[in-house]
């Protein structure tokens, strides 16, 4: 799939290999590479899985492997927790004398 110049994309690259990392890191940390994912505008046409250059929103030029076009946030704050709802109602009662008061 060809991605056109100027598209908003996400890239990935290895900043440091494990043997290049600081020696004072925890063992499980220094055994893996330091990786970076960043987003920006594609400087030339590219393809998913190929090395490309982007210009970030702050104006930096970065090269890496193209992994996503039009990236979006897909995290959330987890499942509903009924206890937290009750805390909110109790807080309204303490602060304003009732959960229904605005």
C-alpha atoms as a PDB file:
ATOM      1  CA  UNK A   1       0.000   0.000   0.000  1.00  0.00           C
ATOM      2  CA  UNK A   2       1.483   3.324  -1.056  1.00  0.00           C
ATOM      3  CA  UNK A   3       1.105   6.140   1.456  1.00  0.00           C
ATOM      4  CA  UNK A   4       1.221   9.601  -0.055  1.00  0.00           C
ATOM      5  CA  UNK A   5       3.591  12.386   0.917  1.00  0.00           C
ATOM      6  CA  UNK A   6       2.055  14.646   3.584  1.00  0.00           C
ATOM      7  CA  UNK A   7      -0.012  11.896   5.238  1.00  0.00           C
ATOM      8  CA  UNK A   8      -0.180  11.849   9.047  1.00  0.00           C
ATOM      9  CA  UNK A   9       1.633   8.665  10.089  1.00  0.00           C
ATOM     10  CA  UNK A  10       3.307   6.835  12.973  1.00  0.00           C
ATOM     11  CA  UNK A  11       6.824   5.427  12.729  1.00  0.00           C
ATOM     12  CA  UNK A  12       8.915   3.170  14.944  1.00  0.00           C
ATOM     13  CA  UNK A  13      12.652   2.939  15.392  1.00  0.00           C
ATOM     14  CA  UNK A  14      15.257   1.587  17.760  1.00  0.00           C
ATOM     15  CA  UNK A  15      17.033   4.396  19.617  1.00  0.00           C
ATOM     16  CA  UNK A  16      19.542   2.162  21.442  1.00  0.00           C
ATOM     17  CA  UNK A  17      20.306  -1.533  21.187  1.00  0.00           C
ATOM     18  CA  UNK A  18      20.606  -3.419  24.509  1.00  0.00           C
ATOM     19  CA  UNK A  19      24.429  -3.395  24.440  1.00  0.00           C
ATOM     20  CA  UNK A  20      24.417   0.410  23.958  1.00  0.00           C
ATOM     21  CA  UNK A  21      22.214   1.147  26.974  1.00  0.00           C
ATOM     22  CA  UNK A  22      23.450   2.468  30.327  1.00  0.00           C
ATOM     23  CA  UNK A  23      24.916  -0.150  32.646  1.00  0.00           C
ATOM     24  CA  UNK A  24      23.086   1.113  35.742  1.00  0.00           C
ATOM     25  CA  UNK A  25      19.621   0.140  34.449  1.00  0.00           C
ATOM     26  CA  UNK A  26      17.593  -2.681  35.996  1.00  0.00           C
ATOM     27  CA  UNK A  27      18.447  -6.047  34.389  1.00  0.00           C
ATOM     28  CA  UNK A  28      15.089  -6.499  32.661  1.00  0.00           C
ATOM     29  CA  UNK A  29      15.320  -2.982  31.199  1.00  0.00           C
ATOM     30  CA  UNK A  30      18.850  -3.197  29.828  1.00  0.00           C
ATOM     31  CA  UNK A  31      18.087  -6.537  28.132  1.00  0.00           C
ATOM     32  CA  UNK A  32      15.723  -4.884  25.632  1.00  0.00           C
ATOM     33  CA  UNK A  33      16.276  -2.099  23.110  1.00  0.00           C
ATOM     34  CA  UNK A  34      15.138   1.457  23.760  1.00  0.00           C
ATOM     35  CA  UNK A  35      12.366   1.965  21.219  1.00  0.00           C
ATOM     36  CA  UNK A  36      10.531   5.049  20.006  1.00  0.00           C
ATOM     37  CA  UNK A  37       7.224   5.559  18.264  1.00  0.00           C
ATOM     38  CA  UNK A  38       6.429   9.009  16.940  1.00  0.00           C
ATOM     39  CA  UNK A  39       3.964  10.676  14.629  1.00  0.00           C
ATOM     40  CA  UNK A  40       4.378  13.221  11.884  1.00  0.00           C
ATOM     41  CA  UNK A  41       3.865  14.147   8.271  1.00  0.00           C
ATOM     42  CA  UNK A  42       5.369  11.852   5.642  1.00  0.00           C
ATOM     43  CA  UNK A  43       8.081  13.658   3.662  1.00  0.00           C
ATOM     44  CA  UNK A  44       7.904  11.390   0.574  1.00  0.00           C
ATOM     45  CA  UNK A  45       5.575   8.634  -0.626  1.00  0.00           C
ATOM     46  CA  UNK A  46       6.194   5.473   1.391  1.00  0.00           C
ATOM     47  CA  UNK A  47       4.942   1.995   2.229  1.00  0.00           C
ATOM     48  CA  UNK A  48       4.004   0.279   5.465  1.00  0.00           C
ATOM     49  CA  UNK A  49       7.035  -1.623   6.763  1.00  0.00           C
ATOM     50  CA  UNK A  50       9.569   0.511   4.863  1.00  0.00           C
ATOM     51  CA  UNK A  51      11.917   3.177   6.218  1.00  0.00           C
ATOM     52  CA  UNK A  52      10.548   6.690   5.775  1.00  0.00           C
ATOM     53  CA  UNK A  53      11.225  10.209   6.993  1.00  0.00           C
ATOM     54  CA  UNK A  54       8.632  12.329   8.757  1.00  0.00           C
ATOM     55  CA  UNK A  55       8.402  15.884  10.029  1.00  0.00           C
ATOM     56  CA  UNK A  56       6.913  15.971  13.535  1.00  0.00           C
ATOM     57  CA  UNK A  57       4.466  18.586  14.707  1.00  0.00           C
ATOM     58  CA  UNK A  58       7.391  20.286  16.497  1.00  0.00           C
ATOM     59  CA  UNK A  59       9.430  20.469  13.289  1.00  0.00           C
ATOM     60  CA  UNK A  60      11.894  17.600  13.917  1.00  0.00           C
ATOM     61  CA  UNK A  61      12.829  15.288  11.061  1.00  0.00           C
ATOM     62  CA  UNK A  62      12.896  11.627  12.084  1.00  0.00           C
ATOM     63  CA  UNK A  63      13.469   8.394  10.151  1.00  0.00           C
ATOM     64  CA  UNK A  64      11.909   5.075  11.057  1.00  0.00           C
ATOM     65  CA  UNK A  65       9.742   2.197   9.909  1.00  0.00           C
ATOM     66  CA  UNK A  66       6.286   3.266   8.773  1.00  0.00           C
ATOM     67  CA  UNK A  67       3.762   1.362  10.894  1.00  0.00           C
ATOM     68  CA  UNK A  68       0.451   3.236  10.711  1.00  0.00           C
ATOM     69  CA  UNK A  69      -1.449   5.802   8.658  1.00  0.00           C
ATOM     70  CA  UNK A  70      -3.750   8.268  10.430  1.00  0.00           C
ATOM     71  CA  UNK A  71      -2.861   6.965  13.914  1.00  0.00           C
ATOM     72  CA  UNK A  72      -5.356   7.472  16.703  1.00  0.00           C
ATOM     73  CA  UNK A  73      -5.490   7.009  20.445  1.00  0.00           C
ATOM     74  CA  UNK A  74      -7.091   3.720  21.401  1.00  0.00           C
ATOM     75  CA  UNK A  75      -6.590   3.618  25.164  1.00  0.00           C
ATOM     76  CA  UNK A  76      -9.312   3.999  27.759  1.00  0.00           C
ATOM     77  CA  UNK A  77      -9.672   4.218  31.522  1.00  0.00           C
ATOM     78  CA  UNK A  78     -10.783   0.625  32.044  1.00  0.00           C
ATOM     79  CA  UNK A  79     -14.051  -1.003  32.996  1.00  0.00           C
ATOM     80  CA  UNK A  80     -16.815   0.664  34.976  1.00  0.00           C
ATOM     81  CA  UNK A  81     -16.188   0.555  38.764  1.00  0.00           C
ATOM     82  CA  UNK A  82     -19.431   0.906  40.748  1.00  0.00           C
ATOM     83  CA  UNK A  83     -17.570   1.955  43.901  1.00  0.00           C
ATOM     84  CA  UNK A  84     -16.218   5.037  42.125  1.00  0.00           C
ATOM     85  CA  UNK A  85     -19.749   6.081  41.191  1.00  0.00           C
ATOM     86  CA  UNK A  86     -20.733   5.856  44.863  1.00  0.00           C
ATOM     87  CA  UNK A  87     -17.704   7.935  45.870  1.00  0.00           C
ATOM     88  CA  UNK A  88     -18.843  10.655  43.458  1.00  0.00           C
ATOM     89  CA  UNK A  89     -22.360  10.664  44.911  1.00  0.00           C
ATOM     90  CA  UNK A  90     -21.013  10.780  48.472  1.00  0.00           C
ATOM     91  CA  UNK A  91     -18.697  13.648  47.570  1.00  0.00           C
ATOM     92  CA  UNK A  92     -21.610  15.667  46.159  1.00  0.00           C
ATOM     93  CA  UNK A  93     -23.521  15.038  49.373  1.00  0.00           C
ATOM     94  CA  UNK A  94     -20.610  16.289  51.502  1.00  0.00           C
ATOM     95  CA  UNK A  95     -19.848  19.334  49.350  1.00  0.00           C
ATOM     96  CA  UNK A  96     -23.271  20.497  48.245  1.00  0.00           C
ATOM     97  CA  UNK A  97     -25.780  18.758  50.488  1.00  0.00           C
ATOM     98  CA  UNK A  98     -27.092  16.315  47.929  1.00  0.00           C
ATOM     99  CA  UNK A  99     -26.327  14.428  44.742  1.00  0.00           C
ATOM    100  CA  UNK A 100     -29.137  16.157  42.841  1.00  0.00           C
ATOM    101  CA  UNK A 101     -28.035  19.743  43.598  1.00  0.00           C
ATOM    102  CA  UNK A 102     -26.292  21.550  40.777  1.00  0.00           C
END
